[in-house]
Protein backbone atom coordinates (compact mmCIF):
# COMPACT_ATOMS: atom_id res chain seq x y z
CA UNK A 1 0.00 0.00 0.00
CA UNK A 2 3.02 2.29 -0.16
CA UNK A 3 4.20 4.42 2.71
CA UNK A 4 1.00 5.20 4.56
CA UNK A 5 1.35 8.20 6.85
CA UNK A 6 -1.40 9.05 9.33
CA UNK A 7 -1.57 11.67 12.04
CA UNK A 8 -3.36 12.18 15.31
CA UNK A 9 -3.67 15.95 15.73
CA UNK A 10 -5.36 16.85 19.03
CA UNK A 11 -5.79 20.36 20.41
CA UNK A 12 -4.62 20.94 24.02
CA UNK A 13 -7.90 22.63 24.94
CA UNK A 14 -8.91 20.20 27.67
CA UNK A 15 -8.76 16.58 28.73
CA UNK A 16 -8.89 14.08 25.85
CA UNK A 17 -12.11 12.09 25.67
CA UNK A 18 -13.26 8.85 24.08
CA UNK A 19 -13.83 10.41 20.65
CA UNK A 20 -10.33 11.91 20.53
CA UNK A 21 -8.70 8.70 21.65
CA UNK A 22 -10.67 6.59 19.18
CA UNK A 23 -9.16 8.61 16.34
CA UNK A 24 -5.68 8.01 17.73
CA UNK A 25 -6.40 4.28 18.03
CA UNK A 26 -7.58 4.03 14.42
CA UNK A 27 -4.54 5.97 13.19
CA UNK A 28 -2.19 3.75 15.20
CA UNK A 29 -3.88 0.50 14.15
CA UNK A 30 -3.76 1.42 10.46
CA UNK A 31 -0.11 2.43 10.64
CA UNK A 32 0.84 -0.77 12.46
CA UNK A 33 -1.28 -2.94 10.17
CA UNK A 34 0.42 -1.73 6.98
CA UNK A 35 3.86 -0.89 8.38
CA UNK A 36 3.19 2.82 7.97
CA UNK A 37 4.00 5.88 10.08
CA UNK A 38 1.95 7.14 13.03
CA UNK A 39 2.49 10.87 13.61
CA UNK A 40 1.47 12.94 16.61
CA UNK A 41 0.94 16.61 15.84
CA UNK A 42 -0.28 19.12 18.41
CA UNK A 43 -2.67 21.72 17.02
CA UNK A 44 -2.14 24.42 19.65
CA UNK A 45 -2.99 27.53 17.66
CA UNK A 46 -6.26 28.30 19.47
CA UNK A 47 -4.63 30.27 22.26
CA UNK A 48 -7.93 31.42 23.76
CA UNK A 49 -8.98 27.85 24.50
CA UNK A 50 -5.58 26.49 25.49
CA UNK A 51 -5.69 24.64 28.83
CA UNK A 52 -2.40 24.27 30.75
CA UNK A 53 -1.59 20.63 31.45
CA UNK A 54 -3.81 19.24 28.70
CA UNK A 55 -0.87 18.53 26.38
CA UNK A 56 0.76 16.40 29.08
CA UNK A 57 -2.58 14.63 29.59
CA UNK A 58 -2.80 13.84 25.88
CA UNK A 59 0.70 12.41 25.81
CA UNK A 60 0.12 10.38 28.98
CA UNK A 61 -3.14 8.95 27.59
CA UNK A 62 -1.34 7.70 24.48
CA UNK A 63 1.54 6.29 26.51
CA UNK A 64 -0.82 4.47 28.85
CA UNK A 65 -2.63 2.84 25.92
CA UNK A 66 0.68 1.83 24.36
CA UNK A 67 0.16 4.02 21.27
CA UNK A 68 3.78 4.85 20.60
CA UNK A 69 4.12 7.53 17.93
CA UNK A 70 6.82 7.36 15.25
CA UNK A 71 7.13 11.11 14.75
CA UNK A 72 6.09 13.99 16.96
CA UNK A 73 6.86 15.67 20.27
CA UNK A 74 9.67 14.05 22.27
CA UNK A 75 10.72 11.74 19.41
CA UNK A 76 11.20 14.29 16.60
CA UNK A 77 11.18 13.47 12.90
CA UNK A 78 12.14 15.02 9.58
CA UNK A 79 8.80 16.84 9.15
CA UNK A 80 8.88 18.80 12.41
CA UNK A 81 8.35 20.85 14.38
CA UNK A 82 5.23 19.00 15.50
CA UNK A 83 3.66 21.78 17.56
CA UNK A 84 1.74 24.15 15.32
CA UNK A 85 2.68 27.13 17.49
CA UNK A 86 6.26 26.55 16.30
CA UNK A 87 5.23 26.57 12.62
CA UNK A 88 3.74 30.06 12.33
CA UNK A 89 6.25 31.19 9.69
CA UNK A 90 5.07 28.37 7.42
CA UNK A 91 1.43 29.36 7.71
CA UNK A 92 2.27 33.01 7.08
CA UNK A 93 4.19 32.02 3.95
CA UNK A 94 1.36 29.99 2.44
CA UNK A 95 -1.32 32.49 3.46
CA UNK A 96 0.69 35.21 1.70
CA UNK A 97 0.79 33.03 -1.40
CA UNK A 98 -3.02 32.82 -1.45
CA UNK A 99 -3.26 36.55 -0.83
CA UNK A 100 -0.86 37.33 -3.69
CA UNK A 101 -2.78 35.05 -6.04
CA UNK A 102 -6.14 36.66 -5.20
CA UNK A 103 -7.40 33.47 -3.53
CA UNK A 104 -7.63 35.10 -0.10
CA UNK A 105 -8.29 38.63 1.11
CA UNK A 106 -8.07 40.86 4.16
CA UNK A 107 -11.25 41.34 6.18
CA UNK A 108 -11.46 44.26 8.63
CA UNK A 109 -15.00 43.57 9.88
CA UNK A 110 -15.35 43.78 13.63
CA UNK A 111 -16.81 41.03 15.78
CA UNK A 112 -19.71 43.38 16.52
CA UNK A 113 -20.54 43.77 12.82
CA UNK A 114 -20.31 40.02 12.25
CA UNK A 115 -22.61 39.34 15.21
CA UNK A 116 -25.13 41.86 13.88
CA UNK A 117 -24.91 40.34 10.40
CA UNK A 118 -25.60 36.87 11.77
CA UNK A 119 -28.53 38.19 13.79
CA UNK A 120 -30.06 39.79 10.68
CA UNK A 121 -29.56 36.65 8.59
CA UNK A 122 -31.22 34.50 11.24
CA UNK A 123 -34.14 36.95 11.48
CA UNK A 124 -34.62 36.65 7.69
CA UNK A 125 -34.20 32.87 7.96
CA UNK A 126 -31.21 33.00 5.64
CA UNK A 127 -28.12 30.81 5.76
CA UNK A 128 -25.60 32.44 8.04
CA UNK A 129 -22.19 33.38 6.69
CA UNK A 130 -19.91 36.22 5.76
CA UNK A 131 -21.36 38.67 3.17
CA UNK A 132 -18.03 39.42 1.46
CA UNK A 133 -18.12 43.11 2.36
CA UNK A 134 -14.32 43.35 2.41
CA UNK A 135 -13.77 41.37 -0.80
CA UNK A 136 -14.45 44.49 -2.87
CA UNK A 137 -12.04 46.78 -0.96
CA UNK A 138 -9.65 48.59 -3.26
CA UNK A 139 -5.91 48.75 -2.55
CA UNK A 140 -6.40 52.38 -1.52
CA UNK A 141 -9.19 51.45 0.92
CA UNK A 142 -7.04 48.70 2.38
CA UNK A 143 -4.16 51.15 2.81
CA UNK A 144 -6.48 53.56 4.65
CA UNK A 145 -7.21 50.78 7.16
CA UNK A 146 -3.54 50.20 7.93
CA UNK A 147 -3.06 49.51 11.65
CA UNK A 148 -6.55 48.12 12.12
CA UNK A 149 -6.89 44.45 13.08
CA UNK A 150 -7.90 42.13 10.26
CA UNK A 151 -8.25 38.46 9.39
CA UNK A 152 -7.47 36.65 6.16
CA UNK A 153 -10.42 34.96 4.48
CA UNK A 154 -10.29 32.26 1.82
CA UNK A 155 -12.21 33.22 -1.31
CA UNK A 156 -14.59 30.31 -1.86
CA UNK A 157 -16.15 29.66 -5.30
CA UNK A 158 -19.80 30.72 -5.67
CA UNK A 159 -20.79 28.05 -8.17
CA UNK A 160 -20.28 24.36 -8.77
CA UNK A 161 -19.77 21.50 -6.36
CA UNK A 162 -16.94 20.11 -4.28
CA UNK A 163 -17.00 16.33 -4.24
CA UNK A 164 -14.89 13.67 -2.57
CA UNK A 165 -14.87 9.93 -2.04
CA UNK A 166 -15.07 9.07 1.63
CA UNK A 167 -13.71 5.63 2.53
CA UNK A 168 -16.59 5.04 4.94
CA UNK A 169 -19.53 6.76 3.21
CA UNK A 170 -18.74 6.78 -0.49
CA UNK A 171 -19.11 9.91 -2.61
CA UNK A 172 -20.13 13.11 -0.83
CA UNK A 173 -20.93 16.38 -2.62
CA UNK A 174 -21.32 19.95 -1.34
CA UNK A 175 -22.74 22.94 -3.17
CA UNK A 176 -20.06 25.63 -3.21
CA UNK A 177 -22.55 28.48 -2.86
CA UNK A 178 -23.34 27.22 0.66
CA UNK A 179 -19.74 27.75 1.76
CA UNK A 180 -18.86 31.20 3.07
CA UNK A 181 -15.43 32.79 2.87
CA UNK A 182 -13.92 31.19 5.94
CA UNK A 183 -11.08 32.64 8.00
CA UNK A 184 -7.63 31.13 7.47
CA UNK A 185 -5.50 33.55 9.56
CA UNK A 186 -6.92 35.17 12.70
CA UNK A 187 -6.27 38.74 13.78
CA UNK A 188 -3.60 37.53 16.24
CA UNK A 189 -1.61 36.06 13.36
CA UNK A 190 -2.39 32.47 14.29
CA UNK A 191 -3.92 30.18 11.66
CA UNK A 192 -7.33 28.58 12.05
CA UNK A 193 -7.69 24.82 12.16
CA UNK A 194 -9.21 24.94 8.68
CA UNK A 195 -5.96 26.31 7.25
CA UNK A 196 -3.15 24.97 9.42
CA UNK A 197 -4.21 21.35 9.20
CA UNK A 198 -4.24 21.48 5.40
CA UNK A 199 -0.78 23.04 5.22
CA UNK A 200 0.61 20.58 7.74
CA UNK A 201 -1.03 17.50 6.21
CA UNK A 202 0.53 18.43 2.87
CA UNK A 203 3.99 19.24 4.24
CA UNK A 204 4.01 16.13 6.43
CA UNK A 205 2.90 14.01 3.45
CA UNK A 206 -0.16 12.63 5.22
CA UNK A 207 -1.81 9.99 3.03
CA UNK A 208 -4.97 9.25 5.05
CA UNK A 209 -7.00 11.47 7.37
CA UNK A 210 -9.17 9.60 9.88
CA UNK A 211 -11.52 11.71 11.97
CA UNK A 212 -15.06 11.83 13.37
CA UNK A 213 -18.03 12.47 11.12
CA UNK A 214 -18.54 15.90 12.67
CA UNK A 215 -15.72 17.04 10.36
CA UNK A 216 -17.48 16.05 7.13
CA UNK A 217 -18.87 19.56 6.67
CA UNK A 218 -15.33 21.01 6.91
CA UNK A 219 -13.90 18.70 4.26
CA UNK A 220 -15.01 20.79 1.22
CA UNK A 221 -13.20 23.80 2.70
CA UNK A 222 -10.04 21.74 3.00
CA UNK A 223 -10.39 20.36 -0.51
CA UNK A 224 -10.80 23.87 -1.93
CA UNK A 225 -7.56 24.86 -0.22
CA UNK A 226 -5.76 21.84 -1.66
CA UNK A 227 -7.06 22.84 -5.07
CA UNK A 228 -5.99 26.46 -4.59
CA UNK A 229 -2.43 25.34 -3.86
CA UNK A 230 -2.42 22.65 -6.54
CA UNK A 231 -1.77 19.95 -3.96
CA UNK A 232 -2.96 16.33 -3.94
CA UNK A 233 -5.35 15.84 -0.99
CA UNK A 234 -5.14 12.79 1.28
CA UNK A 235 -7.84 10.15 1.43
CA UNK A 236 -10.56 10.79 4.01
CA UNK A 237 -12.31 8.37 6.36
CA UNK A 238 -14.95 9.85 8.63
CA UNK A 239 -15.75 7.51 11.50
CA UNK A 240 -19.27 7.27 12.91
CA UNK A 241 -20.58 9.24 15.86
CA UNK A 242 -20.41 7.80 19.37
CA UNK A 243 -23.71 8.02 21.25
CA UNK A 244 -24.77 7.27 24.79
CA UNK A 245 -26.94 4.30 25.70
CA UNK A 246 -30.04 6.50 25.20
CA UNK A 247 -28.77 7.36 21.69
CA UNK A 248 -28.17 11.00 22.61
CA UNK A 249 -24.83 12.73 22.30
CA UNK A 250 -22.22 11.03 24.47
CA UNK A 251 -21.85 12.84 27.79
CA UNK A 252 -20.62 12.36 31.34
CA UNK A 253 -23.96 10.89 32.41
CA UNK A 254 -23.32 7.98 30.04
CA UNK A 255 -19.97 7.25 31.69
CA UNK A 256 -17.84 9.31 29.31
CA UNK A 257 -15.18 11.12 31.32
CA UNK A 258 -11.71 12.55 30.83
CA UNK A 259 -9.80 9.62 29.39
CA UNK A 260 -7.26 9.15 32.17
CA UNK A 261 -10.12 8.83 34.65
CA UNK A 262 -10.62 5.34 33.24
CA UNK A 263 -7.14 4.50 34.46
CA UNK A 264 -7.94 5.98 37.87
CA UNK A 265 -11.11 3.89 38.09
CA UNK A 266 -9.14 0.75 37.41
CA UNK A 267 -9.60 -0.10 33.76
CA UNK A 268 -6.75 -1.87 31.98
CA UNK A 269 -5.28 -0.16 28.89
CA UNK A 270 -5.71 -3.23 26.68
CA UNK A 271 -9.41 -3.39 27.64
CA UNK A 272 -9.92 0.29 26.73
CA UNK A 273 -8.01 -0.18 23.47
CA UNK A 274 -10.20 -3.16 22.55
CA UNK A 275 -13.48 -1.52 23.61
CA UNK A 276 -12.87 1.83 21.91
CA UNK A 277 -11.64 0.22 18.69
CA UNK A 278 -15.02 -1.52 18.37
CA UNK A 279 -16.90 1.80 18.69
CA UNK A 280 -17.39 2.28 14.95
CA UNK A 281 -15.25 -0.53 13.51
CA UNK A 282 -16.21 -4.12 12.79
CA UNK A 283 -13.58 -6.87 12.67
CA UNK A 284 -15.93 -9.03 10.63
CA UNK A 285 -16.07 -11.71 13.32
CA UNK A 286 -18.69 -12.69 15.86
CA UNK A 287 -16.47 -12.02 18.86
CA UNK A 288 -15.50 -8.98 20.87
CA UNK A 289 -12.25 -9.63 22.74
CA UNK A 290 -9.22 -8.77 20.62
CA UNK A 291 -5.83 -8.20 22.26
CA UNK A 292 -3.69 -5.46 20.65
CA UNK A 293 -1.80 -7.75 18.27
CA UNK A 294 -5.07 -9.18 16.94
CA UNK A 295 -6.57 -5.72 16.50
CA UNK A 296 -3.53 -4.74 14.44
CA UNK A 297 -3.76 -7.88 12.30
CA UNK A 298 -7.46 -7.35 11.52
CA UNK A 299 -7.77 -3.57 11.23
CA UNK A 300 -8.69 -1.97 7.90
CA UNK A 301 -10.42 1.30 7.10
CA UNK A 302 -12.98 -0.67 5.12
CA UNK A 303 -14.14 -2.10 8.46
CA UNK A 304 -15.28 1.33 9.67
CA UNK A 305 -19.07 1.47 9.80
CA UNK A 306 -21.53 4.28 9.05
CA UNK A 307 -23.94 3.61 11.89
CA UNK A 308 -23.48 5.45 15.18
CA UNK A 309 -21.65 3.49 17.87
CA UNK A 310 -23.23 3.09 21.32
CA UNK A 311 -21.05 3.64 24.36
CA UNK A 312 -22.13 1.06 26.97
CA UNK A 313 -20.34 1.32 30.32
CA UNK A 314 -21.60 -2.09 31.41
CA UNK A 315 -20.08 -3.68 28.32
CA UNK A 316 -16.81 -1.88 29.01
CA UNK A 317 -16.81 -3.19 32.59
CA UNK A 318 -17.55 -6.70 31.34
CA UNK A 319 -14.69 -6.52 28.86
CA UNK A 320 -12.36 -5.14 31.51
CA UNK A 321 -13.28 -8.05 33.77
CA UNK A 322 -12.31 -10.45 30.99
CA UNK A 323 -8.89 -8.82 30.68
CA UNK A 324 -8.40 -8.76 34.47
CA UNK A 325 -9.08 -12.50 34.67
CA UNK A 326 -6.65 -13.16 31.82
CA UNK A 327 -3.89 -11.03 33.36
CA UNK A 328 -1.24 -12.55 35.65
CA UNK A 329 -2.14 -12.37 39.34
CA UNK A 330 1.04 -10.50 40.27
CA UNK A 331 0.24 -7.74 37.79
CA UNK A 332 -3.30 -7.32 39.12
CA UNK A 333 -2.09 -7.36 42.73
CA UNK A 334 0.44 -4.62 41.95
CA UNK A 335 -2.23 -2.54 40.21
CA UNK A 336 -4.67 -3.00 43.11
CA UNK A 337 -2.13 -1.99 45.75
CA UNK A 338 -2.41 1.83 45.23
CA UNK A 339 -6.18 1.72 45.77
CA UNK A 340 -5.70 -0.04 49.11
CA UNK A 341 -2.93 2.38 50.09
CA UNK A 342 -4.99 5.44 49.17
CA UNK A 343 -7.68 4.59 51.75
CA UNK A 344 -5.14 3.58 54.39
CA UNK A 345 -5.76 -0.17 54.38
CA UNK A 346 -2.14 -0.82 53.39
CA UNK A 347 0.85 1.31 54.41
CA UNK A 348 2.66 3.46 51.84
CA UNK A 349 5.82 1.41 52.40
CA UNK A 350 4.50 -2.14 52.79
CA UNK A 351 6.66 -4.93 54.11
CA UNK A 352 7.18 -8.13 52.10
CA UNK A 353 4.68 -9.80 54.45
CA UNK A 354 2.05 -7.14 53.70
CA UNK A 355 2.62 -7.48 49.98
CA UNK A 356 2.18 -11.22 50.17
CA UNK A 357 -1.01 -10.75 52.20
CA UNK A 358 -2.35 -8.38 49.52
CA UNK A 359 -1.47 -10.90 46.83
CA UNK A 360 -3.40 -13.66 48.60
CA UNK A 361 -6.41 -11.38 49.04
CA UNK A 362 -6.41 -10.26 45.41
CA UNK A 363 -6.19 -13.91 44.35
CA UNK A 364 -9.54 -14.52 46.08
CA UNK A 365 -11.22 -11.64 44.17
CA UNK A 366 -9.36 -11.96 40.87
CA UNK A 367 -12.33 -13.64 39.18
CA UNK A 368 -14.91 -11.14 40.45
CA UNK A 369 -13.23 -7.83 39.70
CA UNK A 370 -14.70 -5.72 36.90
CA UNK A 371 -12.59 -2.64 37.68
CA UNK A 372 -9.54 -2.52 39.93
CA UNK A 373 -10.96 0.16 42.21
CA UNK A 374 -13.59 -2.34 43.40
CA UNK A 375 -10.86 -4.09 45.36
CA UNK A 376 -11.28 -1.66 48.26
CA UNK A 377 -14.88 -2.47 49.14
CA UNK A 378 -14.61 -6.11 48.15
CA UNK A 379 -11.67 -6.76 50.49
CA UNK A 380 -11.92 -4.12 53.20
CA UNK A 381 -12.83 -6.74 55.82
CA UNK A 382 -9.46 -8.42 55.36
CA UNK A 383 -7.68 -5.35 56.71
CA UNK A 384 -9.97 -3.98 59.38
CA UNK A 385 -9.46 -5.09 62.96
CA UNK A 386 -13.17 -5.27 63.70
CA UNK A 387 -15.23 -5.27 60.51
CA UNK A 388 -18.74 -3.90 60.68
CA UNK A 389 -21.52 -6.44 60.40
CA UNK A 390 -23.97 -6.06 57.56
CA UNK A 391 -27.27 -5.27 59.24
CA UNK A 392 -29.26 -7.88 57.34
CA UNK A 393 -26.66 -10.54 57.98
CA UNK A 394 -26.54 -9.79 61.68
CA UNK A 395 -30.31 -9.99 62.09
CA UNK A 396 -30.75 -13.06 59.91
CA UNK A 397 -27.86 -15.16 61.18
CA UNK A 398 -26.26 -13.88 64.36
CA UNK A 399 -29.58 -13.59 66.24
CA UNK A 400 -30.28 -17.30 65.86
CA UNK A 401 -30.49 -19.06 69.23
CA UNK A 402 -27.98 -21.78 68.30
CA UNK A 403 -25.22 -19.41 67.16
CA UNK A 404 -23.51 -18.76 70.55
CA UNK A 405 -23.08 -22.49 71.07
CA UNK A 406 -21.84 -22.87 67.48
CA UNK A 407 -19.25 -20.17 67.99
CA UNK A 408 -18.07 -21.56 71.36
CA UNK A 409 -17.57 -25.03 69.91
CA UNK A 410 -15.86 -23.68 66.81
CA UNK A 411 -13.50 -21.45 68.79
CA UNK A 412 -12.54 -24.38 70.97
CA UNK A 413 -11.95 -26.61 67.95
CA UNK A 414 -9.94 -23.98 66.06
CA UNK A 415 -7.72 -23.06 68.99
CA UNK A 416 -6.18 -26.50 68.74
CA UNK A 417 -6.20 -26.61 64.93
CA UNK A 418 -2.66 -26.97 63.58
CA UNK A 419 -3.66 -27.42 59.93
CA UNK A 420 -4.71 -23.81 59.19
CA UNK A 421 -5.48 -24.40 55.53
CA UNK A 422 -8.63 -24.40 53.43
CA UNK A 423 -9.08 -28.15 53.94
CA UNK A 424 -8.22 -28.12 57.64
CA UNK A 425 -10.62 -25.23 58.35
CA UNK A 426 -13.43 -26.80 56.31
CA UNK A 427 -13.11 -30.11 58.13
CA UNK A 428 -13.25 -28.41 61.54
CA UNK A 429 -16.29 -26.31 60.61
CA UNK A 430 -18.23 -29.21 59.13
CA UNK A 431 -17.47 -31.47 62.08
CA UNK A 432 -18.90 -28.90 64.50
CA UNK A 433 -21.98 -28.56 62.33
CA UNK A 434 -22.53 -32.30 62.20
CA UNK A 435 -22.14 -32.58 65.98
CA UNK A 436 -24.88 -29.96 66.41
CA UNK A 437 -27.13 -31.45 63.72
CA UNK A 438 -27.01 -28.27 61.60
CA UNK A 439 -27.17 -27.93 57.85
CA UNK A 440 -24.26 -26.52 55.90
CA UNK A 441 -26.00 -23.17 55.44
CA UNK A 442 -26.85 -22.90 59.14
CA UNK A 443 -23.15 -23.22 59.91
CA UNK A 444 -21.45 -21.33 57.08
CA UNK A 445 -23.65 -18.19 56.99
CA UNK A 446 -23.29 -17.11 60.63
CA UNK A 447 -19.57 -17.94 60.61
CA UNK A 448 -19.11 -15.83 57.45
CA UNK A 449 -20.84 -12.86 59.11
CA UNK A 450 -18.80 -13.34 62.30
CA UNK A 451 -15.46 -13.66 60.50
CA UNK A 452 -15.93 -11.11 57.70
CA UNK A 453 -18.96 -8.97 58.57
CA UNK A 454 -20.36 -9.86 55.14
CA UNK A 455 -23.08 -12.12 53.86
CA UNK A 456 -21.38 -12.64 50.47
CA UNK A 457 -17.78 -12.75 49.36
CA UNK A 458 -15.10 -15.18 48.27
CA UNK A 459 -15.16 -18.75 49.58
CA UNK A 460 -15.45 -18.81 53.38
CA UNK A 461 -12.71 -21.34 54.00
CA UNK A 462 -10.32 -19.64 51.58
CA UNK A 463 -11.04 -16.30 53.27
CA UNK A 464 -10.43 -17.71 56.76
CA UNK A 465 -7.18 -19.30 55.60
CA UNK A 466 -5.94 -15.92 54.28
CA UNK A 467 -7.19 -13.96 57.32
CA UNK A 468 -5.09 -16.19 59.53
CA UNK A 469 -5.83 -18.04 62.73
CA UNK A 470 -5.32 -15.12 65.12
CA UNK A 471 -7.61 -12.75 63.20
CA UNK A 472 -10.35 -15.34 62.80
CA UNK A 473 -10.31 -16.38 66.46
CA UNK A 474 -10.35 -12.73 67.56
CA UNK A 475 -13.38 -12.03 65.36
CA UNK A 476 -15.26 -15.13 66.46
CA UNK A 477 -14.61 -14.28 70.12
CA UNK A 478 -15.72 -10.69 69.57
CA UNK A 479 -18.92 -11.83 67.88
CA UNK A 480 -19.62 -14.34 70.65
CA UNK A 481 -19.15 -11.66 73.29
CA UNK A 482 -21.45 -9.23 71.49
CA UNK A 483 -24.32 -11.63 70.87
CA UNK A 484 -24.01 -13.19 74.33
CA UNK A 485 -24.24 -9.72 75.83
CA UNK A 486 -27.35 -8.99 73.76
CA UNK A 487 -29.01 -12.26 74.72
CA UNK A 488 -28.26 -11.65 78.42
CA UNK A 489 -29.81 -8.19 78.17
């Protein structure tokens, strides 16, 4: 397929979100699939909307996902610089060329006049757009306005059509008379997105532009600029919209957040990569779990679909759970550790014994975790000296008349138990139950509440083995004392 060159060109105007990152994923997958080049370019020319720290957040998001760029900030490349704010001379040069050739012109209209013009057009139910007032200015009139702020506008054709073949949607045509003379250089000297991205895509020899379908309406403007310069445009692929579960625009209420928040919540990067890749792309197979190497092997632009993708948090959590279960236990234990440390359940400088204890605990919940942050509430009882009893469990099981006797017998049996393993504990518990003529449930449920405070959780005998003999005996004695005190009262 030749040397395919694609670019991810985010603006540092806030935290990256799912839509931004999906574009980066598609660019990266295509480049890796065909042995092409994945370029990161930062479009930081909108100084009014620039948000400090957002560039670092963009870079960190890509790093976390494993989307290593071949050219761009930090790694360089022969087509740099890769920050648009460092390329202003280039934009000025090409804007001057359009100005000299009569394909662009100076516009001195104030923001107040433009706002009034728009208001009048809307009142008359006309299409909004610039009325070309400054197009007819003579050189003398322009000279008289020297010193006044102005923008450069591209002179769009008033007749004909601009057509292009979109890889996803086929042929798309726009009537040129619906395009107004858009701004290419702002009054502060910075280029607009509509201009800078065309200049950069040409100079960086970009072969394919992948972006969301909200950019379809901008494509004729870009194509007219390519034509004005006599440049060959890249191929375009406009990916489908991403909607929330209610089919409205994706928002925070649907679970869409700043991208790195998914890391904070405990999603694995390979799960996010897999999930987001499927938001608008079909691998052509009736399966949904594709590790990175399989995504690369199967990805093609022809697999992009027209229909809107639905962002389903529950599906993401399910997929993350699949990846957690497939991951090595040591990796998951290490990733869970910061969550336990943050709430003070594990010290900031844990001993080898503490780390091993955490590993054993995570092993019990490895199969149940959907996101890593769940580890705190799922395992809190392992760390607390005196876990709180669930109210329902206490009433249903600890208030039974036979429970004090059960606990006394069990404590006595366990004090002399030397085989503190799953099997040894199970044998002791079942023997006590048989001696008292109790069913398995009558024995296990109150013991679970006494030892863990919970009515559900990992296997009781596994949990008791990990808790250790001293902790379990202390909790059983505490429970016995509490319920005996209540019954005496």
